Protein backbone atom coordinates (compact mmCIF):
# COMPACT_ATOMS: atom_id res chain seq x y z
CA UNK A 1 253.63 197.36 207.66
CA UNK A 2 253.66 196.18 204.04
CA UNK A 3 251.45 193.21 203.16
CA UNK A 4 253.50 190.26 201.84
CA UNK A 5 253.11 189.65 198.11
CA UNK A 6 253.30 186.24 196.44
CA UNK A 7 253.50 185.34 192.73
CA UNK A 8 251.86 182.58 190.71
CA UNK A 9 254.43 180.42 188.92
CA UNK A 10 254.30 179.85 185.13
CA UNK A 11 252.39 176.61 184.54
CA UNK A 12 250.50 177.30 181.32
CA UNK A 13 251.13 176.20 177.75
CA UNK A 14 253.13 179.27 176.64
CA UNK A 15 255.92 178.46 179.11
CA UNK A 16 258.82 176.01 178.91
CA UNK A 17 258.37 174.58 182.39
CA UNK A 18 261.86 173.20 183.01
CA UNK A 19 263.52 176.46 181.99
CA UNK A 20 260.95 179.08 182.94
CA UNK A 21 259.85 177.94 186.40
CA UNK A 22 263.35 178.15 187.96
CA UNK A 23 264.07 181.43 186.15
CA UNK A 24 260.82 183.11 187.25
CA UNK A 25 261.20 181.73 190.78
CA UNK A 26 264.72 183.15 191.16
CA UNK A 27 263.70 186.50 189.69
CA UNK A 28 260.65 186.75 191.98
CA UNK A 29 262.75 186.03 195.05
CA UNK A 30 265.29 188.68 194.01
CA UNK A 31 262.48 191.19 193.39
CA UNK A 32 261.18 190.71 196.93
CA UNK A 33 258.17 188.43 196.59
CA UNK A 34 257.65 186.43 199.75
CA UNK A 35 256.03 183.35 198.26
CA UNK A 36 255.49 181.38 195.05
CA UNK A 37 252.28 179.55 194.20
CA UNK A 38 250.82 176.86 191.96
CA UNK A 39 247.28 175.80 191.07
CA UNK A 40 245.82 172.55 189.79
CA UNK A 41 243.96 171.76 186.55
CA UNK A 42 244.54 168.29 185.15
CA UNK A 43 242.70 168.30 181.81
CA UNK A 44 240.77 170.36 179.26
CA UNK A 45 237.58 168.51 178.27
CA UNK A 46 236.34 168.77 174.66
CA UNK A 47 233.43 169.06 174.87
CA UNK A 48 233.10 169.86 178.56
CA UNK A 49 230.53 167.90 180.54
CA UNK A 50 229.83 171.02 182.58
CA UNK A 51 230.66 174.70 182.41
CA UNK A 52 233.52 176.44 184.15
CA UNK A 53 233.11 176.30 187.95
CA UNK A 54 230.04 174.17 187.33
CA UNK A 55 228.12 177.10 185.80
CA UNK A 56 226.01 175.82 182.86
CA UNK A 57 227.21 177.19 179.52
CA UNK A 58 230.24 179.03 180.91
CA UNK A 59 233.18 178.01 178.66
CA UNK A 60 236.51 176.85 179.97
CA UNK A 61 239.23 179.43 179.20
CA UNK A 62 242.02 178.57 176.79
CA UNK A 63 244.56 179.09 179.58
CA UNK A 64 243.46 175.76 181.07
CA UNK A 65 244.33 173.83 177.90
CA UNK A 66 247.67 172.74 179.36
CA UNK A 67 248.65 173.23 183.02
CA UNK A 68 251.82 171.70 184.46
CA UNK A 69 251.60 169.44 187.51
CA UNK A 70 251.60 171.64 190.63
CA UNK A 71 253.96 169.60 192.80
CA UNK A 72 256.50 169.15 190.01
CA UNK A 73 256.34 172.91 189.38
CA UNK A 74 256.73 173.73 193.06
CA UNK A 75 259.68 171.36 193.40
CA UNK A 76 261.46 173.10 190.51
CA UNK A 77 260.85 176.46 192.18
CA UNK A 78 262.01 175.20 195.56
CA UNK A 79 265.28 173.90 194.14
CA UNK A 80 265.98 177.30 192.53
CA UNK A 81 265.28 179.45 195.61
CA UNK A 82 266.26 179.67 199.25
CA UNK A 83 263.85 182.01 201.03
CA UNK A 84 260.38 182.24 199.49
CA UNK A 85 257.52 180.11 200.79
CA UNK A 86 256.10 177.49 198.39
CA UNK A 87 252.32 177.33 198.28
CA UNK A 88 249.48 175.47 196.58
CA UNK A 89 246.39 177.49 195.69
CA UNK A 90 244.84 175.02 195.58
CA UNK A 91 245.32 171.27 195.23
CA UNK A 92 242.07 169.42 194.52
CA UNK A 93 241.93 166.97 197.42
CA UNK A 94 240.05 164.05 195.81
CA UNK A 95 242.52 163.91 192.91
CA UNK A 96 245.19 162.68 195.36
CA UNK A 97 245.70 159.61 197.52
CA UNK A 98 245.84 161.14 201.01
CA UNK A 99 248.85 159.18 202.32
CA UNK A 100 250.90 159.86 199.20
CA UNK A 101 250.04 163.57 199.14
CA UNK A 102 250.96 163.91 202.81
CA UNK A 103 254.34 162.29 202.11
CA UNK A 104 255.01 164.43 199.03
CA UNK A 105 254.30 167.67 200.89
CA UNK A 106 256.37 166.54 203.87
CA UNK A 107 259.30 165.65 201.60
CA UNK A 108 259.13 169.02 199.82
CA UNK A 109 258.95 170.84 203.14
CA UNK A 110 261.96 168.92 204.48
CA UNK A 111 263.93 169.52 201.29
CA UNK A 112 263.14 173.24 201.19
CA UNK A 113 263.86 173.94 204.84
CA UNK A 114 260.27 174.40 205.98
CA UNK A 115 258.77 176.57 203.25
CA UNK A 116 255.61 174.71 202.15
CA UNK A 117 252.06 176.09 202.54
CA UNK A 118 249.31 173.57 201.73
CA UNK A 119 246.21 175.12 200.18
CA UNK A 120 243.58 172.42 199.67
CA UNK A 121 240.11 172.48 198.09
CA UNK A 122 237.50 170.07 196.75
CA UNK A 123 237.29 171.19 193.11
CA UNK A 124 234.24 171.43 190.90
CA UNK A 125 234.94 169.64 187.59
CA UNK A 126 233.06 166.39 187.00
CA UNK A 127 235.44 165.67 184.10
CA UNK A 128 238.44 165.83 186.42
CA UNK A 129 236.68 163.65 188.97
CA UNK A 130 235.87 161.08 186.30
CA UNK A 131 239.49 160.95 185.14
CA UNK A 132 241.38 160.91 188.40
CA UNK A 133 239.35 161.18 191.62
CA UNK A 134 239.83 158.60 194.35
CA UNK A 135 236.47 159.48 195.91
CA UNK A 136 233.10 160.38 194.35
CA UNK A 137 232.07 164.02 194.03
CA UNK A 138 229.22 163.65 196.52
CA UNK A 139 231.73 162.62 199.21
CA UNK A 140 234.18 165.43 198.56
CA UNK A 141 233.64 167.12 201.93
CA UNK A 142 234.12 163.90 203.88
CA UNK A 143 237.22 163.16 201.81
CA UNK A 144 238.73 166.56 202.58
CA UNK A 145 238.10 166.03 206.28
CA UNK A 146 239.88 162.69 206.11
CA UNK A 147 242.76 164.18 204.13
CA UNK A 148 243.30 166.70 206.93
CA UNK A 149 243.29 163.82 209.43
CA UNK A 150 245.88 161.94 207.36
CA UNK A 151 248.06 165.06 207.16
CA UNK A 152 248.02 165.32 210.94
CA UNK A 153 248.86 161.63 211.36
CA UNK A 154 251.61 161.37 208.74
CA UNK A 155 253.26 164.64 209.73
CA UNK A 156 253.10 163.72 213.43
CA UNK A 157 255.20 161.40 215.55
CA UNK A 158 255.87 157.77 214.72
CA UNK A 159 254.41 155.24 214.79
CA UNK A 160 251.81 156.60 212.37
CA UNK A 161 248.45 154.85 212.40
CA UNK A 162 245.08 155.79 210.94
CA UNK A 163 241.77 154.12 210.12
CA UNK A 164 239.23 156.03 208.03
CA UNK A 165 236.67 155.65 205.26
CA UNK A 166 239.23 156.02 202.46
CA UNK A 167 242.57 155.44 204.17
CA UNK A 168 244.08 152.74 206.38
CA UNK A 169 247.60 153.10 207.79
CA UNK A 170 248.88 150.25 209.90
CA UNK A 171 251.33 151.30 212.65
CA UNK A 172 254.45 152.37 210.78
CA UNK A 173 257.42 154.68 210.68
CA UNK A 174 256.77 157.29 207.97
CA UNK A 175 259.38 159.80 206.91
CA UNK A 176 260.73 162.25 206.20
CA UNK A 177 258.80 164.54 208.50
CA UNK A 178 258.17 168.19 207.61
CA UNK A 179 260.78 170.65 208.81
CA UNK A 180 258.03 172.38 210.82
CA UNK A 181 254.22 172.14 211.05
CA UNK A 182 252.99 172.80 207.49
CA UNK A 183 250.32 175.54 207.45
CA UNK A 184 247.05 174.35 205.90
CA UNK A 185 244.83 176.87 204.15
CA UNK A 186 241.31 176.31 202.82
CA UNK A 187 238.88 178.20 200.61
CA UNK A 188 235.39 178.40 202.09
CA UNK A 189 232.20 179.12 200.20
CA UNK A 190 229.38 177.77 202.36
CA UNK A 191 228.41 177.15 205.99
CA UNK A 192 229.98 173.69 206.22
CA UNK A 193 233.19 174.83 204.52
CA UNK A 194 233.45 177.88 206.78
CA UNK A 195 233.03 175.67 209.84
CA UNK A 196 235.80 173.38 208.58
CA UNK A 197 238.01 176.41 207.99
CA UNK A 198 237.45 177.77 211.50
CA UNK A 199 237.87 174.41 213.22
CA UNK A 200 240.72 172.88 211.26
CA UNK A 201 242.77 175.29 209.14
CA UNK A 202 245.52 177.83 209.67
CA UNK A 203 244.30 180.21 206.99
CA UNK A 204 241.65 181.21 204.47
CA UNK A 205 242.26 181.33 200.69
CA UNK A 206 239.63 183.55 199.05
CA UNK A 207 239.66 184.92 195.50
CA UNK A 208 239.58 188.73 195.32
CA UNK A 209 236.29 189.59 193.63
CA UNK A 210 235.78 193.00 195.22
CA UNK A 211 236.58 194.58 198.60
CA UNK A 212 232.97 194.61 199.77
CA UNK A 213 232.42 190.90 199.15
CA UNK A 214 235.79 190.05 200.71
CA UNK A 215 235.03 192.02 203.87
CA UNK A 216 231.57 190.50 204.22
CA UNK A 217 232.84 186.92 203.92
CA UNK A 218 235.61 187.67 206.41
CA UNK A 219 233.04 189.04 208.87
CA UNK A 220 231.09 185.76 208.69
CA UNK A 221 234.27 183.76 209.28
CA UNK A 222 235.34 185.91 212.21
CA UNK A 223 231.87 185.72 213.77
CA UNK A 224 231.88 181.94 213.56
CA UNK A 225 235.43 181.79 214.93
CA UNK A 226 234.22 183.74 217.96
CA UNK A 227 231.19 181.50 218.40
CA UNK A 228 233.30 178.34 218.24
CA UNK A 229 235.99 179.64 220.56
CA UNK A 230 238.89 179.65 218.12
CA UNK A 231 241.87 180.83 220.12
CA UNK A 232 244.36 181.66 217.38
CA UNK A 233 243.99 184.09 214.47
CA UNK A 234 243.33 182.96 210.92
CA UNK A 235 245.55 184.19 208.12
CA UNK A 236 244.02 185.25 204.79
CA UNK A 237 245.95 184.70 201.56
CA UNK A 238 243.89 186.58 198.98
CA UNK A 239 244.27 185.24 195.42
CA UNK A 240 244.39 187.94 192.73
CA UNK A 241 243.77 186.61 189.21
CA UNK A 242 245.03 189.59 187.23
CA UNK A 243 244.50 190.35 183.54
CA UNK A 244 247.33 192.75 182.80
CA UNK A 245 247.55 195.11 179.84
CA UNK A 246 250.02 197.82 178.89
CA UNK A 247 247.30 200.42 178.41
CA UNK A 248 244.62 201.16 180.99
CA UNK A 249 241.30 199.38 180.53
CA UNK A 250 238.75 201.92 179.37
CA UNK A 251 235.11 201.14 180.00
CA UNK A 252 232.61 200.85 182.78
CA UNK A 253 232.62 197.05 182.65
CA UNK A 254 236.15 196.66 184.03
CA UNK A 255 236.49 193.68 186.36
CA UNK A 256 238.69 193.85 189.48
CA UNK A 257 242.38 193.46 188.60
CA UNK A 258 241.82 193.96 184.89
CA UNK A 259 243.95 196.55 183.12
CA UNK A 260 247.22 198.39 183.55
CA UNK A 261 249.69 198.13 186.41
CA UNK A 262 248.23 201.28 187.95
CA UNK A 263 244.69 199.85 187.80
CA UNK A 264 245.80 196.54 189.34
CA UNK A 265 247.56 198.38 192.16
CA UNK A 266 244.49 200.57 192.68
CA UNK A 267 242.43 197.41 193.17
CA UNK A 268 245.07 195.97 195.50
CA UNK A 269 244.87 199.11 197.61
CA UNK A 270 241.08 198.89 197.81
CA UNK A 271 241.26 195.27 198.96
CA UNK A 272 244.08 196.06 201.40
CA UNK A 273 241.94 198.75 203.04
CA UNK A 274 239.51 196.06 204.23
CA UNK A 275 242.18 194.79 206.59
CA UNK A 276 241.44 191.18 205.61
CA UNK A 277 244.56 190.15 203.67
CA UNK A 278 247.64 188.96 205.48
CA UNK A 279 249.08 188.23 202.03
CA UNK A 280 248.19 188.79 198.38
CA UNK A 281 248.89 186.14 195.76
CA UNK A 282 249.30 187.81 192.35
CA UNK A 283 248.71 185.41 189.45
CA UNK A 284 249.70 187.29 186.29
CA UNK A 285 250.71 184.39 184.07
CA UNK A 286 247.61 183.92 181.90
CA UNK A 287 248.00 187.06 179.75
CA UNK A 288 251.79 187.02 179.52
CA UNK A 289 253.42 185.94 176.23
CA UNK A 290 256.45 184.34 177.86
CA UNK A 291 258.54 184.14 181.03
CA UNK A 292 260.47 187.31 180.23
CA UNK A 293 257.28 189.35 180.08
CA UNK A 294 255.94 187.66 183.23
CA UNK A 295 259.13 188.50 185.12
CA UNK A 296 259.13 192.12 183.94
CA UNK A 297 255.45 192.75 184.68
CA UNK A 298 255.67 191.03 188.08
CA UNK A 299 258.58 193.29 189.06
CA UNK A 300 256.70 196.35 187.79
CA UNK A 301 253.55 195.51 189.75
CA UNK A 302 255.58 194.70 192.87
CA UNK A 303 257.43 198.02 192.73
CA UNK A 304 254.22 199.97 192.12
CA UNK A 305 252.42 198.21 194.98
CA UNK A 306 255.25 198.99 197.38
CA UNK A 307 255.37 202.59 196.20
CA UNK A 308 251.64 202.82 196.93
CA UNK A 309 252.23 201.64 200.49
CA UNK A 310 250.83 198.13 200.02
């Protein structure tokens, strides 16, 4: 059975958001993509307080210089489509008030007929935390745990009530409710995060950095799921950050998903062989000149992946 393929929506500075997001969303749905995705970056620090991903000296890429708001982008895509799921990969939890984020996702799910997938992480940028976080960086794990509690409360039956470290909800009617239980997916990069994933989430959201590494992390997650008695399977939406080029990349230093359509599909096949992915999220937008090129390349990669049996 073919693995579902999702597409990253155009959020970066080369796109006209109001025009291009609906157009790309409609085209992706017509092509056959099963889901559309957004990510979150809220600023581009100059100079940066820390390197990319917190790695000292690693520069922020130019593609982060302007990134459209993820929920606005996803709403535009939802209004232009009728079938594809609408996912976040990922929202940075501490940049959002938990009650308000729960309501926004519930409203989008109700409006779209039950198509939202909530991918949530804790982020890494001290500059973003300084500008917009509602909890300090050192409490990011506790905040994410509380956010998941608030999701469960707000999306559940009325009256909604909750008392936590960051959130207080007096008994109240809160609507609209989601059209169905919204799946929650989490990245997981350490023992505590993996335990949270196994105990609380519907799915895992890794970045594809090589089939061997993906399979090894999945083995750890599955082992812990067995130890903790998880009774239902985890999904795995594997994010593919692709750097597409017309000509094949020539050189021994090629990174996964760098190069031509054929090379990207070759890497997809290698990752698919691990048996981990229940879905691939293809984010092609960063190296595309405009929405027309993004639409064309996305359709080309989709067709080639299906032809290869993926």
